[in-house]
Amino acid sequence: MEFGVTMFATDFSMGPAELAIAVEERGLDALFIPDHTHIPAGSDEAFRIADKMPPDYSHNLDMFIGLAAAAAVTKRIRLGTGICLVVERDPIITAKEVASIDHISGGRVDFGVGGGWNQPEMENHGGVWAKRFKLMRERCEAMREIWTQEKASYHGEFVNFDDIWSWPKPTQQPHPRIFIGGDAPRTLDRVMNYGDGWIPMLADHPDHDRWDERLGMMRELRRRTDEAGREPMPITTFGTPRDPARVEQLREAGVTRCIFGLKAAPADDVLRRLDRLVQFLEVVR
């Protein structure tokens, strides 16, 4: 099992390059950076893991710029989008951004994607909330075509383009793994249909604990891949609890990588938290 962290790189926190160096120096395996283009005022009601949304969400640097900075100063750690809101991003541009970072990093990108939880945020980009998952699928399929074909085209309900040329192609072949985010009833269908892995969020509002449900979904994913004659899907957990017993349950359920959240803060604070996490991981590795 591998271990990594995620943190919003913001205008008031430790920067992504400095954080990436610290993560690599401490022997961790991955750094994931979240994605929000903006936060509509009054979005706290939709925020599911706390009563009040922290400022991290509205002060974040662009995810791809943060990952590019991290790629430039590291050699080993995996660099993840955690998660990329592809329903808010043009697929041709996004395909080039992912391929470019995969190229400059030497093939270290994991592409986590999702439909998001903030309806007005998506709608500000012109999307239709009720159709976001079909839009997500089409954009992922279109990006896969751009990455793998010398001359790519795609024709769907929402994504349409005739033959295009787009380089660089990703260093990873055939392309960076697409990790589908979410834990809704049809999430595993999406993982099986067009994903290469799954990113469930384990953190819940204190009033709701869906731990056993998530473990059941992990077992169900393994059952589906076995029935389809496919290799087990890699699972990366977000919001992983700092509890040795629960980490062991995740290991037994087939989780391949646990990602732990760090609060956006200045470097001294983040490094203290990171060192405490490393001490915790000495117990569970």
C-alpha atoms as a PDB file:
ATOM      1  CA  MET A   1       0.000   0.000   0.000  1.00  0.00           C
ATOM      2  CA  GLU A   2       1.209   3.501  -0.865  1.00  0.00           C
ATOM      3  CA  PHE A   3       0.597   6.727   1.033  1.00  0.00           C
ATOM      4  CA  GLY A   4       0.353  10.350   0.006  1.00  0.00           C
ATOM      5  CA  VAL A   5      -1.199  13.698   0.825  1.00  0.00           C
ATOM      6  CA  THR A   6      -3.514  16.266  -0.676  1.00  0.00           C
ATOM      7  CA  MET A   7      -3.648  19.956   0.096  1.00  0.00           C
ATOM      8  CA  PHE A   8      -5.066  23.054  -1.506  1.00  0.00           C
ATOM      9  CA  ALA A   9      -2.117  25.209  -2.521  1.00  0.00           C
ATOM     10  CA  THR A  10      -3.410  28.717  -1.864  1.00  0.00           C
ATOM     11  CA  ASP A  11      -2.319  32.339  -1.795  1.00  0.00           C
ATOM     12  CA  PHE A  12      -1.854  32.083   1.989  1.00  0.00           C
ATOM     13  CA  SER A  13      -0.332  28.603   2.303  1.00  0.00           C
ATOM     14  CA  MET A  14       2.860  26.721   1.635  1.00  0.00           C
ATOM     15  CA  GLY A  15       3.406  26.615  -2.112  1.00  0.00           C
ATOM     16  CA  PRO A  16       3.061  23.476  -4.251  1.00  0.00           C
ATOM     17  CA  ALA A  17       6.747  23.216  -5.172  1.00  0.00           C
ATOM     18  CA  GLU A  18       7.909  23.502  -1.557  1.00  0.00           C
ATOM     19  CA  LEU A  19       5.244  21.019  -0.456  1.00  0.00           C
ATOM     20  CA  ALA A  20       6.170  18.542  -3.177  1.00  0.00           C
ATOM     21  CA  ILE A  21       9.829  18.609  -2.129  1.00  0.00           C
ATOM     22  CA  ALA A  22       8.831  17.973   1.491  1.00  0.00           C
ATOM     23  CA  VAL A  23       6.557  15.077   0.503  1.00  0.00           C
ATOM     24  CA  GLU A  24       9.291  13.437  -1.563  1.00  0.00           C
ATOM     25  CA  GLU A  25      11.991  13.970   1.070  1.00  0.00           C
ATOM     26  CA  ARG A  26       9.831  12.245   3.689  1.00  0.00           C
ATOM     27  CA  GLY A  27       9.448   9.107   1.613  1.00  0.00           C
ATOM     28  CA  LEU A  28       5.770   9.517   0.784  1.00  0.00           C
ATOM     29  CA  ASP A  29       4.479   8.287  -2.543  1.00  0.00           C
ATOM     30  CA  ALA A  30       2.114  10.903  -3.921  1.00  0.00           C
ATOM     31  CA  LEU A  31       0.882  14.483  -3.880  1.00  0.00           C
ATOM     32  CA  PHE A  32      -2.634  15.264  -5.084  1.00  0.00           C
ATOM     33  CA  ILE A  33      -3.863  18.819  -5.659  1.00  0.00           C
ATOM     34  CA  PRO A  34      -7.610  19.638  -5.657  1.00  0.00           C
ATOM     35  CA  ASP A  35      -9.520  21.619  -8.257  1.00  0.00           C
ATOM     36  CA  HIS A  36     -12.002  24.493  -8.011  1.00  0.00           C
ATOM     37  CA  THR A  37     -12.091  27.282 -10.561  1.00  0.00           C
ATOM     38  CA  HIS A  38     -14.060  29.429  -8.104  1.00  0.00           C
ATOM     39  CA  ILE A  39     -16.599  29.070  -5.305  1.00  0.00           C
ATOM     40  CA  PRO A  40     -20.010  30.714  -5.710  1.00  0.00           C
ATOM     41  CA  ALA A  41     -20.989  32.739  -2.670  1.00  0.00           C
ATOM     42  CA  GLY A  42     -23.380  30.859  -0.400  1.00  0.00           C
ATOM     43  CA  SER A  43     -22.095  27.369  -1.236  1.00  0.00           C
ATOM     44  CA  ASP A  44     -21.727  26.265   2.392  1.00  0.00           C
ATOM     45  CA  GLU A  45     -25.114  24.535   2.300  1.00  0.00           C
ATOM     46  CA  ALA A  46     -23.832  21.999  -0.241  1.00  0.00           C
ATOM     47  CA  PHE A  47     -20.539  21.340   1.572  1.00  0.00           C
ATOM     48  CA  ARG A  48     -20.867  17.838   2.974  1.00  0.00           C
ATOM     49  CA  ILE A  49     -17.893  17.236   5.284  1.00  0.00           C
ATOM     50  CA  ALA A  50     -18.311  20.204   7.652  1.00  0.00           C
ATOM     51  CA  ASP A  51     -20.810  22.894   8.555  1.00  0.00           C
ATOM     52  CA  LYS A  52     -18.591  25.645   7.152  1.00  0.00           C
ATOM     53  CA  MET A  53     -16.366  25.562   4.098  1.00  0.00           C
ATOM     54  CA  PRO A  54     -12.741  26.543   4.855  1.00  0.00           C
ATOM     55  CA  PRO A  55     -11.104  29.326   2.818  1.00  0.00           C
ATOM     56  CA  ASP A  56      -8.880  26.728   1.114  1.00  0.00           C
ATOM     57  CA  TYR A  57     -11.612  26.154  -1.466  1.00  0.00           C
ATOM     58  CA  SER A  58     -11.843  29.712  -2.764  1.00  0.00           C
ATOM     59  CA  HIS A  59      -8.187  30.763  -2.414  1.00  0.00           C
ATOM     60  CA  ASN A  60      -6.618  27.825  -4.268  1.00  0.00           C
ATOM     61  CA  LEU A  61      -4.097  28.153  -7.049  1.00  0.00           C
ATOM     62  CA  ASP A  62      -4.948  26.552 -10.370  1.00  0.00           C
ATOM     63  CA  MET A  63      -4.500  22.811 -10.034  1.00  0.00           C
ATOM     64  CA  PHE A  64      -2.472  22.258 -13.210  1.00  0.00           C
ATOM     65  CA  ILE A  65      -0.113  25.144 -12.491  1.00  0.00           C
ATOM     66  CA  GLY A  66       0.444  23.708  -9.007  1.00  0.00           C
ATOM     67  CA  LEU A  67       1.168  20.254 -10.404  1.00  0.00           C
ATOM     68  CA  ALA A  68       3.559  21.664 -12.978  1.00  0.00           C
ATOM     69  CA  ALA A  69       5.479  23.418 -10.192  1.00  0.00           C
ATOM     70  CA  ALA A  70       5.583  20.155  -8.233  1.00  0.00           C
ATOM     71  CA  ALA A  71       6.741  18.190 -11.276  1.00  0.00           C
ATOM     72  CA  ALA A  72       9.640  20.579 -11.851  1.00  0.00           C
ATOM     73  CA  VAL A  73      11.212  19.987  -8.423  1.00  0.00           C
ATOM     74  CA  THR A  74      10.601  16.246  -7.855  1.00  0.00           C
ATOM     75  CA  LYS A  75      11.798  12.987  -9.398  1.00  0.00           C
ATOM     76  CA  ARG A  76       9.796  10.176  -7.831  1.00  0.00           C
ATOM     77  CA  ILE A  77       6.399  10.966  -6.318  1.00  0.00           C
ATOM     78  CA  ARG A  78       3.167  10.479  -8.230  1.00  0.00           C
ATOM     79  CA  LEU A  79       1.337  13.702  -9.061  1.00  0.00           C
ATOM     80  CA  GLY A  80      -2.441  13.547  -8.972  1.00  0.00           C
ATOM     81  CA  THR A  81      -5.442  15.666  -9.819  1.00  0.00           C
ATOM     82  CA  GLY A  82      -7.604  15.281  -6.777  1.00  0.00           C
ATOM     83  CA  ILE A  83     -10.030  15.617  -8.366  1.00  0.00           C
ATOM     84  CA  CYS A  84     -10.181  17.431 -11.703  1.00  0.00           C
ATOM     85  CA  LEU A  85     -13.641  18.851 -12.325  1.00  0.00           C
ATOM     86  CA  VAL A  86     -13.700  17.903 -15.992  1.00  0.00           C
ATOM     87  CA  VAL A  87     -17.326  19.043 -16.231  1.00  0.00           C
ATOM     88  CA  GLU A  88     -15.964  22.596 -15.891  1.00  0.00           C
ATOM     89  CA  ARG A  89     -13.001  22.235 -18.270  1.00  0.00           C
ATOM     90  CA  ASP A  90     -12.655  22.117 -22.037  1.00  0.00           C
ATOM     91  CA  PRO A  91     -11.501  18.586 -22.940  1.00  0.00           C
ATOM     92  CA  ILE A  92      -9.063  19.596 -25.704  1.00  0.00           C
ATOM     93  CA  ILE A  93      -7.250  22.041 -23.424  1.00  0.00           C
ATOM     94  CA  THR A  94      -7.387  19.648 -20.461  1.00  0.00           C
ATOM     95  CA  ALA A  95      -5.975  16.785 -22.539  1.00  0.00           C
ATOM     96  CA  LYS A  96      -2.993  18.966 -23.472  1.00  0.00           C
ATOM     97  CA  GLU A  97      -2.473  20.080 -19.857  1.00  0.00           C
ATOM     98  CA  VAL A  98      -2.469  16.512 -18.542  1.00  0.00           C
ATOM     99  CA  ALA A  99      -0.218  15.272 -21.341  1.00  0.00           C
ATOM    100  CA  SER A 100       2.175  18.203 -20.869  1.00  0.00           C
ATOM    101  CA  ILE A 101       2.577  17.571 -17.128  1.00  0.00           C
ATOM    102  CA  ASP A 102       2.960  13.853 -17.746  1.00  0.00           C
ATOM    103  CA  HIS A 103       5.682  14.688 -20.283  1.00  0.00           C
ATOM    104  CA  ILE A 104       7.675  17.066 -18.075  1.00  0.00           C
ATOM    105  CA  SER A 105       7.338  14.782 -15.027  1.00  0.00           C
ATOM    106  CA  GLY A 106       8.547  11.691 -16.846  1.00  0.00           C
ATOM    107  CA  GLY A 107       5.174   9.924 -16.670  1.00  0.00           C
ATOM    108  CA  ARG A 108       4.076  10.482 -13.074  1.00  0.00           C
ATOM    109  CA  VAL A 109       0.511  11.801 -13.460  1.00  0.00           C
ATOM    110  CA  ASP A 110      -2.607  10.110 -12.081  1.00  0.00           C
ATOM    111  CA  PHE A 111      -5.734  11.742 -13.492  1.00  0.00           C
ATOM    112  CA  GLY A 112      -8.518  11.807 -10.907  1.00  0.00           C
ATOM    113  CA  VAL A 113     -11.813  13.123 -12.287  1.00  0.00           C
ATOM    114  CA  GLY A 114     -15.273  13.851 -10.946  1.00  0.00           C
ATOM    115  CA  GLY A 115     -18.571  15.596 -11.504  1.00  0.00           C
ATOM    116  CA  GLY A 116     -18.263  17.779  -8.426  1.00  0.00           C
ATOM    117  CA  TRP A 117     -20.671  18.634  -5.636  1.00  0.00           C
ATOM    118  CA  ASN A 118     -21.229  22.363  -6.190  1.00  0.00           C
ATOM    119  CA  GLN A 119     -24.117  22.861  -8.600  1.00  0.00           C
ATOM    120  CA  PRO A 120     -23.836  26.648  -9.104  1.00  0.00           C
ATOM    121  CA  GLU A 121     -20.087  26.318  -9.684  1.00  0.00           C
ATOM    122  CA  MET A 122     -20.684  23.996 -12.641  1.00  0.00           C
ATOM    123  CA  GLU A 123     -23.604  26.037 -13.927  1.00  0.00           C
ATOM    124  CA  ASN A 124     -21.433  29.156 -13.970  1.00  0.00           C
ATOM    125  CA  HIS A 125     -19.428  27.319 -16.631  1.00  0.00           C
ATOM    126  CA  GLY A 126     -22.565  26.715 -18.701  1.00  0.00           C
ATOM    127  CA  GLY A 127     -23.086  23.088 -17.710  1.00  0.00           C
ATOM    128  CA  VAL A 128     -26.377  21.322 -17.013  1.00  0.00           C
ATOM    129  CA  TRP A 129     -26.248  19.764 -13.549  1.00  0.00           C
ATOM    130  CA  ALA A 130     -28.625  16.902 -14.348  1.00  0.00           C
ATOM    131  CA  LYS A 131     -26.402  15.786 -17.241  1.00  0.00           C
ATOM    132  CA  ARG A 132     -23.014  16.266 -15.618  1.00  0.00           C
ATOM    133  CA  PHE A 133     -22.097  12.592 -15.549  1.00  0.00           C
ATOM    134  CA  LYS A 134     -22.799  12.086 -19.242  1.00  0.00           C
ATOM    135  CA  LEU A 135     -20.713  15.200 -19.884  1.00  0.00           C
ATOM    136  CA  MET A 136     -17.930  13.798 -17.697  1.00  0.00           C
ATOM    137  CA  ARG A 137     -17.929  10.525 -19.607  1.00  0.00           C
ATOM    138  CA  GLU A 138     -17.813  12.202 -23.016  1.00  0.00           C
ATOM    139  CA  ARG A 139     -14.967  14.489 -21.995  1.00  0.00           C
ATOM    140  CA  CYS A 140     -12.954  11.590 -20.563  1.00  0.00           C
ATOM    141  CA  GLU A 141     -13.548   9.522 -23.699  1.00  0.00           C
ATOM    142  CA  ALA A 142     -12.573  12.468 -25.898  1.00  0.00           C
ATOM    143  CA  MET A 143      -9.356  13.037 -23.955  1.00  0.00           C
ATOM    144  CA  ARG A 144      -8.488   9.356 -24.253  1.00  0.00           C
ATOM    145  CA  GLU A 145      -8.822   9.692 -28.033  1.00  0.00           C
ATOM    146  CA  ILE A 146      -6.570  12.768 -28.086  1.00  0.00           C
ATOM    147  CA  TRP A 147      -3.917  11.000 -25.996  1.00  0.00           C
ATOM    148  CA  THR A 148      -3.871   7.753 -27.946  1.00  0.00           C
ATOM    149  CA  GLN A 149      -4.555   8.713 -31.573  1.00  0.00           C
ATOM    150  CA  GLU A 150      -2.259  10.590 -33.938  1.00  0.00           C
ATOM    151  CA  LYS A 151      -5.359  12.101 -35.511  1.00  0.00           C
ATOM    152  CA  ALA A 152      -8.215  12.279 -32.988  1.00  0.00           C
ATOM    153  CA  SER A 153     -11.916  12.976 -33.376  1.00  0.00           C
ATOM    154  CA  TYR A 154     -14.950  12.618 -31.128  1.00  0.00           C
ATOM    155  CA  HIS A 155     -18.673  13.043 -31.664  1.00  0.00           C
ATOM    156  CA  GLY A 156     -21.077  12.984 -28.741  1.00  0.00           C
ATOM    157  CA  GLU A 157     -24.004  14.949 -27.382  1.00  0.00           C
ATOM    158  CA  PHE A 158     -21.794  17.508 -25.635  1.00  0.00           C
ATOM    159  CA  VAL A 159     -18.321  17.021 -27.123  1.00  0.00           C
ATOM    160  CA  ASN A 160     -17.865  17.288 -30.867  1.00  0.00           C
ATOM    161  CA  PHE A 161     -14.751  17.787 -32.946  1.00  0.00           C
ATOM    162  CA  ASP A 162     -13.431  16.471 -36.248  1.00  0.00           C
ATOM    163  CA  ASP A 163      -9.851  15.292 -36.795  1.00  0.00           C
ATOM    164  CA  ILE A 164      -7.289  17.194 -34.740  1.00  0.00           C
ATOM    165  CA  TRP A 165      -3.561  16.957 -34.039  1.00  0.00           C
ATOM    166  CA  SER A 166      -2.432  17.455 -30.466  1.00  0.00           C
ATOM    167  CA  TRP A 167       0.989  16.882 -28.928  1.00  0.00           C
ATOM    168  CA  PRO A 168       2.725  16.055 -26.696  1.00  0.00           C
ATOM    169  CA  LYS A 169       1.271  12.631 -26.152  1.00  0.00           C
ATOM    170  CA  PRO A 170       1.511  11.405 -22.553  1.00  0.00           C
ATOM    171  CA  THR A 171       4.708   9.658 -21.509  1.00  0.00           C
ATOM    172  CA  GLN A 172       2.651   6.911 -19.866  1.00  0.00           C
ATOM    173  CA  GLN A 173       1.247   4.430 -22.336  1.00  0.00           C
ATOM    174  CA  PRO A 174      -1.426   4.310 -23.428  1.00  0.00           C
ATOM    175  CA  HIS A 175      -2.228   7.315 -21.191  1.00  0.00           C
ATOM    176  CA  PRO A 176      -2.310   8.342 -17.510  1.00  0.00           C
ATOM    177  CA  ARG A 177      -4.727   6.272 -15.497  1.00  0.00           C
ATOM    178  CA  ILE A 178      -8.178   7.835 -15.129  1.00  0.00           C
ATOM    179  CA  PHE A 179      -9.391   7.494 -11.540  1.00  0.00           C
ATOM    180  CA  ILE A 180     -13.139   8.072 -11.241  1.00  0.00           C
ATOM    181  CA  GLY A 181     -14.135   9.974  -8.118  1.00  0.00           C
ATOM    182  CA  GLY A 182     -17.327   9.689  -6.126  1.00  0.00           C
ATOM    183  CA  ASP A 183     -19.371   7.258  -4.089  1.00  0.00           C
ATOM    184  CA  ALA A 184     -22.863   7.629  -5.564  1.00  0.00           C
ATOM    185  CA  PRO A 185     -25.004   4.597  -6.482  1.00  0.00           C
ATOM    186  CA  ARG A 186     -23.741   4.498 -10.098  1.00  0.00           C
ATOM    187  CA  THR A 187     -20.103   5.365  -9.392  1.00  0.00           C
ATOM    188  CA  LEU A 188     -18.873   1.800  -9.826  1.00  0.00           C
ATOM    189  CA  ASP A 189     -20.643   1.626 -13.195  1.00  0.00           C
ATOM    190  CA  ARG A 190     -18.578   4.630 -14.291  1.00  0.00           C
ATOM    191  CA  VAL A 191     -15.381   3.109 -12.954  1.00  0.00           C
ATOM    192  CA  MET A 192     -15.992  -0.087 -14.910  1.00  0.00           C
ATOM    193  CA  ASN A 193     -17.163   1.666 -18.085  1.00  0.00           C
ATOM    194  CA  TYR A 194     -14.426   4.243 -18.632  1.00  0.00           C
ATOM    195  CA  GLY A 195     -12.128   4.344 -15.616  1.00  0.00           C
ATOM    196  CA  ASP A 196      -8.795   2.811 -14.750  1.00  0.00           C
ATOM    197  CA  GLY A 197      -9.254   3.173 -10.987  1.00  0.00           C
ATOM    198  CA  TRP A 198     -11.464   4.641  -8.266  1.00  0.00           C
ATOM    199  CA  ILE A 199     -11.082   7.525  -5.800  1.00  0.00           C
ATOM    200  CA  PRO A 200     -13.714   7.332  -3.048  1.00  0.00           C
ATOM    201  CA  MET A 201     -13.959  10.095  -0.455  1.00  0.00           C
ATOM    202  CA  LEU A 202     -14.015   8.619   3.054  1.00  0.00           C
ATOM    203  CA  ALA A 203     -14.410  11.832   5.049  1.00  0.00           C
ATOM    204  CA  ASP A 204     -17.994  12.504   6.114  1.00  0.00           C
ATOM    205  CA  HIS A 205     -19.873  15.100   8.058  1.00  0.00           C
ATOM    206  CA  PRO A 206     -19.655  14.115  11.745  1.00  0.00           C
ATOM    207  CA  ASP A 207     -23.372  13.325  11.721  1.00  0.00           C
ATOM    208  CA  HIS A 208     -22.993  10.716   8.962  1.00  0.00           C
ATOM    209  CA  ASP A 209     -20.702   7.681   8.890  1.00  0.00           C
ATOM    210  CA  ARG A 210     -20.783   5.615   5.696  1.00  0.00           C
ATOM    211  CA  TRP A 211     -17.643   3.612   6.420  1.00  0.00           C
ATOM    212  CA  ASP A 212     -19.191   0.162   6.069  1.00  0.00           C
ATOM    213  CA  GLU A 213     -20.937   1.244   2.887  1.00  0.00           C
ATOM    214  CA  ARG A 214     -17.637   2.322   1.316  1.00  0.00           C
ATOM    215  CA  LEU A 215     -15.972  -0.973   2.292  1.00  0.00           C
ATOM    216  CA  GLY A 216     -18.876  -2.804   0.681  1.00  0.00           C
ATOM    217  CA  MET A 217     -18.408  -0.827  -2.537  1.00  0.00           C
ATOM    218  CA  MET A 218     -14.716  -1.758  -2.580  1.00  0.00           C
ATOM    219  CA  ARG A 219     -15.592  -5.432  -2.314  1.00  0.00           C
ATOM    220  CA  GLU A 220     -18.242  -5.003  -5.009  1.00  0.00           C
ATOM    221  CA  LEU A 221     -15.713  -3.419  -7.377  1.00  0.00           C
ATOM    222  CA  ARG A 222     -13.399  -6.394  -6.901  1.00  0.00           C
ATOM    223  CA  ARG A 223     -16.287  -8.773  -7.591  1.00  0.00           C
ATOM    224  CA  ARG A 224     -17.131  -6.937 -10.811  1.00  0.00           C
ATOM    225  CA  THR A 225     -13.557  -6.912 -12.099  1.00  0.00           C
ATOM    226  CA  ASP A 226     -13.175 -10.608 -11.298  1.00  0.00           C
ATOM    227  CA  GLU A 227     -16.393 -11.429 -13.177  1.00  0.00           C
ATOM    228  CA  ALA A 228     -15.228  -9.351 -16.156  1.00  0.00           C
ATOM    229  CA  GLY A 229     -11.856 -11.133 -16.197  1.00  0.00           C
ATOM    230  CA  ARG A 230     -10.054  -7.853 -15.550  1.00  0.00           C
ATOM    231  CA  GLU A 231      -7.167  -7.037 -13.249  1.00  0.00           C
ATOM    232  CA  PRO A 232      -8.200  -5.548  -9.873  1.00  0.00           C
ATOM    233  CA  MET A 233      -8.778  -1.813 -10.105  1.00  0.00           C
ATOM    234  CA  PRO A 234      -6.385   0.397  -8.122  1.00  0.00           C
ATOM    235  CA  ILE A 235      -8.231   2.296  -5.387  1.00  0.00           C
ATOM    236  CA  THR A 236      -6.963   5.565  -3.947  1.00  0.00           C
ATOM    237  CA  THR A 237      -8.831   6.808  -0.880  1.00  0.00           C
ATOM    238  CA  PHE A 238      -9.288  10.482  -0.041  1.00  0.00           C
ATOM    239  CA  GLY A 239     -10.156  11.699   3.426  1.00  0.00           C
ATOM    240  CA  THR A 240      -8.395   8.639   4.862  1.00  0.00           C
ATOM    241  CA  PRO A 241      -8.780   8.464   8.650  1.00  0.00           C
ATOM    242  CA  ARG A 242      -5.637   8.433  10.777  1.00  0.00           C
ATOM    243  CA  ASP A 243      -6.694   5.210  12.439  1.00  0.00           C
ATOM    244  CA  PRO A 244      -4.456   2.107  12.111  1.00  0.00           C
ATOM    245  CA  ALA A 245      -7.393  -0.274  12.389  1.00  0.00           C
ATOM    246  CA  ARG A 246      -9.285   1.449   9.598  1.00  0.00           C
ATOM    247  CA  VAL A 247      -6.214   1.649   7.370  1.00  0.00           C
ATOM    248  CA  GLU A 248      -5.832  -2.098   7.825  1.00  0.00           C
ATOM    249  CA  GLN A 249      -9.482  -2.571   6.825  1.00  0.00           C
ATOM    250  CA  LEU A 250      -8.792  -0.563   3.678  1.00  0.00           C
ATOM    251  CA  ARG A 251      -5.770  -2.701   2.902  1.00  0.00           C
ATOM    252  CA  GLU A 252      -7.851  -5.859   3.255  1.00  0.00           C
ATOM    253  CA  ALA A 253     -10.556  -4.344   1.020  1.00  0.00           C
ATOM    254  CA  GLY A 254      -8.069  -3.869  -1.814  1.00  0.00           C
ATOM    255  CA  VAL A 255      -7.101  -0.221  -1.408  1.00  0.00           C
ATOM    256  CA  THR A 256      -3.749   0.407  -3.081  1.00  0.00           C
ATOM    257  CA  ARG A 257      -3.081   3.967  -1.918  1.00  0.00           C
ATOM    258  CA  CYS A 258      -4.297   6.127   0.968  1.00  0.00           C
ATOM    259  CA  ILE A 259      -4.279   9.905   0.624  1.00  0.00           C
ATOM    260  CA  PHE A 260      -4.417  12.036   3.777  1.00  0.00           C
ATOM    261  CA  GLY A 261      -5.634  15.608   3.792  1.00  0.00           C
ATOM    262  CA  LEU A 262      -3.545  18.531   5.015  1.00  0.00           C
ATOM    263  CA  LYS A 263      -5.086  21.862   5.920  1.00  0.00           C
ATOM    264  CA  ALA A 264      -3.815  24.740   3.786  1.00  0.00           C
ATOM    265  CA  ALA A 265      -1.473  26.750   6.009  1.00  0.00           C
ATOM    266  CA  PRO A 266       1.977  28.380   6.069  1.00  0.00           C
ATOM    267  CA  ALA A 267       4.996  26.117   5.700  1.00  0.00           C
ATOM    268  CA  ASP A 268       5.881  25.756   9.400  1.00  0.00           C
ATOM    269  CA  ASP A 269       2.381  24.504  10.212  1.00  0.00           C
ATOM    270  CA  VAL A 270       2.173  22.182   7.201  1.00  0.00           C
ATOM    271  CA  LEU A 271       5.586  20.646   7.875  1.00  0.00           C
ATOM    272  CA  ARG A 272       4.653  19.893  11.500  1.00  0.00           C
ATOM    273  CA  ARG A 273       1.476  18.173  10.321  1.00  0.00           C
ATOM    274  CA  LEU A 274       3.382  16.312   7.645  1.00  0.00           C
ATOM    275  CA  ASP A 275       5.931  15.045  10.162  1.00  0.00           C
ATOM    276  CA  ARG A 276       3.144  13.834  12.453  1.00  0.00           C
ATOM    277  CA  LEU A 277       1.618  11.981   9.509  1.00  0.00           C
ATOM    278  CA  VAL A 278       4.961  10.308   8.771  1.00  0.00           C
ATOM    279  CA  GLN A 279       5.153   9.166  12.394  1.00  0.00           C
ATOM    280  CA  PHE A 280       1.653   7.717  12.114  1.00  0.00           C
ATOM    281  CA  LEU A 281       2.559   5.899   8.900  1.00  0.00           C
ATOM    282  CA  GLU A 282       5.486   4.201  10.615  1.00  0.00           C
ATOM    283  CA  VAL A 283       2.838   2.297  12.578  1.00  0.00           C
ATOM    284  CA  VAL A 284       0.687   1.233   9.599  1.00  0.00           C
ATOM    285  CA  ARG A 285       3.198   0.540   6.828  1.00  0.00           C
END
